């Protein structure tokens, strides 16, 4: 059973290692995919409570940004044609910007989101490294205990 435990722990460790390598190698594709999906979500934005629209509002409110690259991205959307800028783009609380570009944040959200993600990568990498070290210690100790039991170094009680 200890050998089986060690094998499963090794398998999990290898899957984590492959995921980390793939994430590092394809980080630019992930970045482009995020940008494309954010642009698509902006074009499909509505205020009916769609979870993607709620995510856009949450990002724009939290990071004080508007649009993907800047506030002008909203001008290509159906929502802007009907109602103007969403309230989540406002510089001040409780404003209704409609089509007034002076009342909305100028910076785009994509750069801000990527900056936050890249700044937190060190923390994520450190935690992942710590978990991996504990897994390696667990693998080593389970193999040692299994080997000791196999060599009859422990007396059966």
Protein backbone atom coordinates (compact mmCIF):
# COMPACT_ATOMS: atom_id res chain seq x y z
CA UNK A 1 0.00 0.00 0.00
CA UNK A 2 2.88 2.36 0.71
CA UNK A 3 4.30 1.76 -2.76
CA UNK A 4 0.88 2.45 -4.28
CA UNK A 5 0.63 5.66 -2.24
CA UNK A 6 4.09 6.71 -3.44
CA UNK A 7 3.16 5.93 -7.05
CA UNK A 8 0.01 8.06 -6.85
CA UNK A 9 1.94 10.87 -5.21
CA UNK A 10 4.57 10.64 -7.96
CA UNK A 11 1.85 10.72 -10.62
CA UNK A 12 0.28 13.82 -9.09
CA UNK A 13 3.71 15.46 -8.86
CA UNK A 14 4.41 14.74 -12.55
CA UNK A 15 1.01 16.15 -13.59
CA UNK A 16 1.73 19.33 -11.61
CA UNK A 17 5.19 19.56 -13.19
CA UNK A 18 3.80 19.17 -16.72
CA UNK A 19 1.06 21.75 -16.02
CA UNK A 20 3.67 24.24 -14.79
CA UNK A 21 5.87 23.70 -17.84
CA UNK A 22 2.93 23.98 -20.26
CA UNK A 23 1.73 27.15 -18.51
CA UNK A 24 5.19 28.68 -18.77
CA UNK A 25 5.76 27.68 -22.40
CA UNK A 26 2.31 28.78 -23.59
CA UNK A 27 1.96 31.92 -21.45
CA UNK A 28 1.76 34.16 -24.53
CA UNK A 29 -1.05 32.06 -26.00
CA UNK A 30 -2.86 32.25 -22.67
CA UNK A 31 -2.43 36.02 -22.70
CA UNK A 32 -3.78 36.31 -26.26
CA UNK A 33 -6.66 33.97 -25.47
CA UNK A 34 -7.61 36.08 -22.45
CA UNK A 35 -7.53 39.25 -24.56
CA UNK A 36 -9.66 37.72 -27.31
CA UNK A 37 -12.21 36.37 -24.83
CA UNK A 38 -12.36 39.71 -23.02
CA UNK A 39 -13.00 41.52 -26.32
CA UNK A 40 -15.70 39.00 -27.22
CA UNK A 41 -17.33 39.40 -23.81
CA UNK A 42 -17.32 43.17 -24.24
CA UNK A 43 -19.14 42.86 -27.57
CA UNK A 44 -21.75 40.57 -25.97
CA UNK A 45 -22.08 42.72 -22.84
CA UNK A 46 -25.55 43.36 -21.47
CA UNK A 47 -26.89 44.49 -18.13
CA UNK A 48 -29.28 41.56 -17.60
CA UNK A 49 -27.10 39.80 -15.04
CA UNK A 50 -25.11 37.53 -17.34
CA UNK A 51 -22.12 36.14 -15.40
CA UNK A 52 -19.66 37.34 -18.08
CA UNK A 53 -21.10 40.82 -17.96
CA UNK A 54 -20.92 40.75 -14.17
CA UNK A 55 -17.24 39.76 -14.45
CA UNK A 56 -16.56 42.71 -16.75
CA UNK A 57 -18.31 45.06 -14.33
CA UNK A 58 -16.37 43.62 -11.38
CA UNK A 59 -13.03 44.03 -13.18
CA UNK A 60 -13.83 47.59 -14.29
CA UNK A 61 -15.05 48.61 -10.82
CA UNK A 62 -12.18 47.02 -8.94
CA UNK A 63 -9.33 48.10 -11.21
CA UNK A 64 -10.81 51.49 -12.21
CA UNK A 65 -10.45 50.79 -15.92
CA UNK A 66 -12.68 50.74 -18.97
CA UNK A 67 -12.60 48.55 -22.06
CA UNK A 68 -9.86 46.19 -23.18
CA UNK A 69 -7.13 48.58 -24.34
CA UNK A 70 -9.00 51.79 -23.46
CA UNK A 71 -12.51 53.22 -23.16
CA UNK A 72 -12.90 53.50 -26.96
CA UNK A 73 -13.36 49.72 -27.19
CA UNK A 74 -16.91 50.21 -25.96
CA UNK A 75 -17.83 52.24 -29.04
CA UNK A 76 -17.86 49.06 -31.16
CA UNK A 77 -20.45 47.33 -28.96
CA UNK A 78 -24.23 47.09 -29.19
CA UNK A 79 -24.51 48.16 -25.56
CA UNK A 80 -22.79 51.47 -26.31
CA UNK A 81 -25.09 52.07 -29.29
CA UNK A 82 -28.13 51.64 -27.04
CA UNK A 83 -27.06 53.05 -23.66
CA UNK A 84 -23.50 54.40 -23.86
CA UNK A 85 -20.77 53.42 -21.43
CA UNK A 86 -21.68 51.09 -18.56
CA UNK A 87 -21.70 52.49 -15.03
CA UNK A 88 -18.73 50.32 -14.11
CA UNK A 89 -16.55 52.56 -16.31
CA UNK A 90 -17.24 55.64 -14.20
CA UNK A 91 -14.41 57.54 -12.54
CA UNK A 92 -16.72 58.60 -9.70
CA UNK A 93 -19.33 56.63 -7.81
CA UNK A 94 -22.99 56.97 -8.82
CA UNK A 95 -22.46 58.60 -12.17
CA UNK A 96 -24.24 57.81 -15.40
CA UNK A 97 -21.65 58.41 -18.13
CA UNK A 98 -23.85 57.55 -21.12
CA UNK A 99 -21.60 58.81 -23.94
CA UNK A 100 -19.48 61.32 -22.00
CA UNK A 101 -15.86 60.11 -22.30
CA UNK A 102 -14.71 62.59 -19.62
CA UNK A 103 -16.62 60.70 -16.92
CA UNK A 104 -15.07 57.28 -17.63
CA UNK A 105 -11.68 55.76 -16.81
CA UNK A 106 -9.24 56.10 -19.68
CA UNK A 107 -7.04 53.05 -19.04
CA UNK A 108 -7.89 49.66 -20.45
CA UNK A 109 -8.40 46.63 -18.23
CA UNK A 110 -6.25 44.12 -20.11
CA UNK A 111 -2.92 45.70 -19.14
CA UNK A 112 -4.04 46.10 -15.52
CA UNK A 113 -5.19 42.48 -15.23
CA UNK A 114 -1.97 41.19 -16.81
CA UNK A 115 0.13 43.36 -14.48
CA UNK A 116 -1.63 41.93 -11.43
CA UNK A 117 -1.31 38.36 -12.69
CA UNK A 118 2.40 38.76 -13.47
CA UNK A 119 3.11 40.44 -10.13
CA UNK A 120 1.46 37.56 -8.24
CA UNK A 121 3.27 34.83 -10.19
CA UNK A 122 6.15 34.83 -7.70
CA UNK A 123 3.78 34.02 -4.84
CA UNK A 124 2.06 31.28 -6.84
CA UNK A 125 5.42 29.81 -7.88
CA UNK A 126 6.68 29.86 -4.28
CA UNK A 127 3.60 28.10 -2.92
CA UNK A 128 3.74 25.55 -5.75
CA UNK A 129 7.41 24.90 -5.06
CA UNK A 130 6.67 24.38 -1.36
CA UNK A 131 3.89 21.90 -2.11
CA UNK A 132 6.15 20.07 -4.56
CA UNK A 133 8.89 19.78 -1.92
CA UNK A 134 6.44 18.26 0.56
CA UNK A 135 5.30 15.81 -2.10
CA UNK A 136 8.88 14.79 -2.86
CA UNK A 137 9.57 14.28 0.86
CA UNK A 138 6.38 12.20 1.13
CA UNK A 139 7.41 10.07 -1.86
CA UNK A 140 10.89 9.52 -0.44
CA UNK A 141 9.69 8.66 3.07
CA UNK A 142 7.00 6.27 1.84
CA UNK A 143 9.53 4.41 -0.30
CA UNK A 144 11.97 4.26 2.65
CA UNK A 145 9.29 2.91 4.99
CA UNK A 146 8.14 0.41 2.38
CA UNK A 147 11.73 -0.77 1.88
CA UNK A 148 12.26 -1.07 5.64
CA UNK A 149 9.08 -3.12 6.05
CA UNK A 150 10.03 -5.34 3.10
CA UNK A 151 13.43 -6.06 4.66
CA UNK A 152 11.70 -7.17 7.89
CA UNK A 153 13.38 -4.50 9.96
CA UNK A 154 10.12 -3.98 11.81
CA UNK A 155 8.74 -6.76 13.95
CA UNK A 156 5.08 -7.61 13.47
CA UNK A 157 3.17 -6.95 16.68
